[in-house]
Amino acid sequence: PEDYFILHEDGAFLVKDEDDEIMWAKVSTYQMEPSNDCLDDFPCPYLHLHRDGVLVLNFIDEDREWETKNFKHTLFDLGWYDE
């Protein structure tokens, strides 16, 4: 087992160690809800790496609109994330 990351349904991003302990966490600056209405193969939210190296977060917002944002602009630090 190794360290791994999780993108929660609310857009929170966590890095956990091999013991499942949170090492680092950020909460999304956008309101989002889980949705199966994104793509056939991917429920929202999900991450997508563009060919130019930009990582984007795709999600459905509170108005049920499709959103795609540069991932580095979607997070801010609120300290540890409560699961």
C-alpha atoms as a PDB file:
ATOM      1  CA  PRO A   1       0.000   0.000   0.000  1.00  0.00           C
ATOM      2  CA  GLU A   2       1.089   3.522  -0.793  1.00  0.00           C
ATOM      3  CA  ASP A   3      -0.167   7.067  -0.290  1.00  0.00           C
ATOM      4  CA  TYR A   4      -3.223   7.909  -2.364  1.00  0.00           C
ATOM      5  CA  PHE A   5      -5.674  10.713  -3.071  1.00  0.00           C
ATOM      6  CA  ILE A   6      -9.461  10.958  -2.911  1.00  0.00           C
ATOM      7  CA  LEU A   7     -11.766  13.421  -4.613  1.00  0.00           C
ATOM      8  CA  HIS A   8     -14.928  13.507  -2.505  1.00  0.00           C
ATOM      9  CA  GLU A   9     -18.383  14.029  -3.989  1.00  0.00           C
ATOM     10  CA  ASP A  10     -18.433  17.565  -2.546  1.00  0.00           C
ATOM     11  CA  GLY A  11     -15.148  18.416  -4.285  1.00  0.00           C
ATOM     12  CA  ALA A  12     -12.887  18.070  -1.229  1.00  0.00           C
ATOM     13  CA  PHE A  13      -9.439  16.693  -2.110  1.00  0.00           C
ATOM     14  CA  LEU A  14      -7.585  14.503   0.398  1.00  0.00           C
ATOM     15  CA  VAL A  15      -4.219  12.767   0.426  1.00  0.00           C
ATOM     16  CA  LYS A  16      -4.061   9.741   2.720  1.00  0.00           C
ATOM     17  CA  ASP A  17      -1.185   7.564   3.806  1.00  0.00           C
ATOM     18  CA  GLU A  18      -0.996   3.780   3.687  1.00  0.00           C
ATOM     19  CA  ASP A  19      -2.676   3.637   7.121  1.00  0.00           C
ATOM     20  CA  ASP A  20      -5.660   5.614   5.775  1.00  0.00           C
ATOM     21  CA  GLU A  21      -4.693   8.694   7.815  1.00  0.00           C
ATOM     22  CA  ILE A  22      -5.263  12.128   6.266  1.00  0.00           C
ATOM     23  CA  MET A  23      -1.942  13.770   5.438  1.00  0.00           C
ATOM     24  CA  TRP A  24      -3.286  16.801   3.573  1.00  0.00           C
ATOM     25  CA  ALA A  25      -6.748  18.119   2.696  1.00  0.00           C
ATOM     26  CA  LYS A  26      -8.364  21.007   0.848  1.00  0.00           C
ATOM     27  CA  VAL A  27     -12.017  21.934   0.423  1.00  0.00           C
ATOM     28  CA  SER A  28     -13.467  23.172  -2.862  1.00  0.00           C
ATOM     29  CA  THR A  29     -14.330  26.851  -3.281  1.00  0.00           C
ATOM     30  CA  TYR A  30     -17.336  25.799  -5.423  1.00  0.00           C
ATOM     31  CA  GLN A  31     -20.623  24.260  -4.359  1.00  0.00           C
ATOM     32  CA  MET A  32     -21.141  20.957  -6.124  1.00  0.00           C
ATOM     33  CA  GLU A  33     -23.218  17.859  -5.803  1.00  0.00           C
ATOM     34  CA  PRO A  34     -22.579  14.309  -6.919  1.00  0.00           C
ATOM     35  CA  SER A  35     -24.174  13.574 -10.280  1.00  0.00           C
ATOM     36  CA  ASN A  36     -24.331  10.725 -12.756  1.00  0.00           C
ATOM     37  CA  ASP A  37     -25.300  13.196 -15.501  1.00  0.00           C
ATOM     38  CA  CYS A  38     -21.745  14.086 -16.585  1.00  0.00           C
ATOM     39  CA  LEU A  39     -20.338  11.537 -18.987  1.00  0.00           C
ATOM     40  CA  ASP A  40     -21.271   7.937 -19.640  1.00  0.00           C
ATOM     41  CA  ASP A  41     -18.074   6.673 -18.012  1.00  0.00           C
ATOM     42  CA  PHE A  42     -17.590   9.260 -15.263  1.00  0.00           C
ATOM     43  CA  PRO A  43     -19.891  10.522 -12.530  1.00  0.00           C
ATOM     44  CA  CYS A  44     -19.219  14.077 -11.329  1.00  0.00           C
ATOM     45  CA  PRO A  45     -17.163  15.501  -9.901  1.00  0.00           C
ATOM     46  CA  TYR A  46     -14.114  14.126 -11.683  1.00  0.00           C
ATOM     47  CA  LEU A  47     -10.616  15.265 -12.611  1.00  0.00           C
ATOM     48  CA  HIS A  48      -9.383  15.509 -16.189  1.00  0.00           C
ATOM     49  CA  LEU A  49      -5.797  16.139 -17.300  1.00  0.00           C
ATOM     50  CA  HIS A  50      -5.628  18.177 -20.514  1.00  0.00           C
ATOM     51  CA  ARG A  51      -2.901  17.570 -23.096  1.00  0.00           C
ATOM     52  CA  ASP A  52      -1.273  20.888 -22.136  1.00  0.00           C
ATOM     53  CA  GLY A  53      -0.835  19.667 -18.543  1.00  0.00           C
ATOM     54  CA  VAL A  54      -3.710  21.619 -16.965  1.00  0.00           C
ATOM     55  CA  LEU A  55      -5.701  19.569 -14.461  1.00  0.00           C
ATOM     56  CA  VAL A  56      -9.389  20.513 -14.464  1.00  0.00           C
ATOM     57  CA  LEU A  57     -12.253  19.677 -12.140  1.00  0.00           C
ATOM     58  CA  ASN A  58     -15.538  18.886 -13.898  1.00  0.00           C
ATOM     59  CA  PHE A  59     -18.713  19.112 -11.851  1.00  0.00           C
ATOM     60  CA  ILE A  60     -22.393  20.012 -11.787  1.00  0.00           C
ATOM     61  CA  ASP A  61     -23.032  23.166  -9.748  1.00  0.00           C
ATOM     62  CA  GLU A  62     -25.940  23.993  -7.435  1.00  0.00           C
ATOM     63  CA  ASP A  63     -27.928  25.317 -10.431  1.00  0.00           C
ATOM     64  CA  ARG A  64     -27.461  21.955 -12.228  1.00  0.00           C
ATOM     65  CA  GLU A  65     -25.058  23.560 -14.734  1.00  0.00           C
ATOM     66  CA  TRP A  66     -21.943  21.839 -16.095  1.00  0.00           C
ATOM     67  CA  GLU A  67     -18.744  23.500 -14.834  1.00  0.00           C
ATOM     68  CA  THR A  68     -15.104  22.920 -15.668  1.00  0.00           C
ATOM     69  CA  LYS A  69     -12.462  24.785 -13.640  1.00  0.00           C
ATOM     70  CA  ASN A  70      -8.695  24.777 -13.425  1.00  0.00           C
ATOM     71  CA  PHE A  71      -8.118  22.536 -10.415  1.00  0.00           C
ATOM     72  CA  LYS A  72      -5.587  24.829  -8.739  1.00  0.00           C
ATOM     73  CA  HIS A  73      -8.301  27.527  -8.531  1.00  0.00           C
ATOM     74  CA  THR A  74     -10.915  25.261  -6.951  1.00  0.00           C
ATOM     75  CA  LEU A  75      -9.349  24.644  -3.554  1.00  0.00           C
ATOM     76  CA  PHE A  76      -8.576  26.643  -0.457  1.00  0.00           C
ATOM     77  CA  ASP A  77      -7.203  25.543   2.891  1.00  0.00           C
ATOM     78  CA  LEU A  78      -9.640  25.052   5.760  1.00  0.00           C
ATOM     79  CA  GLY A  79      -7.274  22.859   7.733  1.00  0.00           C
ATOM     80  CA  TRP A  80      -8.148  19.216   8.220  1.00  0.00           C
ATOM     81  CA  TYR A  81     -11.238  17.890   6.512  1.00  0.00           C
ATOM     82  CA  ASP A  82     -13.795  16.090   8.664  1.00  0.00           C
ATOM     83  CA  GLU A  83     -14.975  12.879   7.043  1.00  0.00           C
END
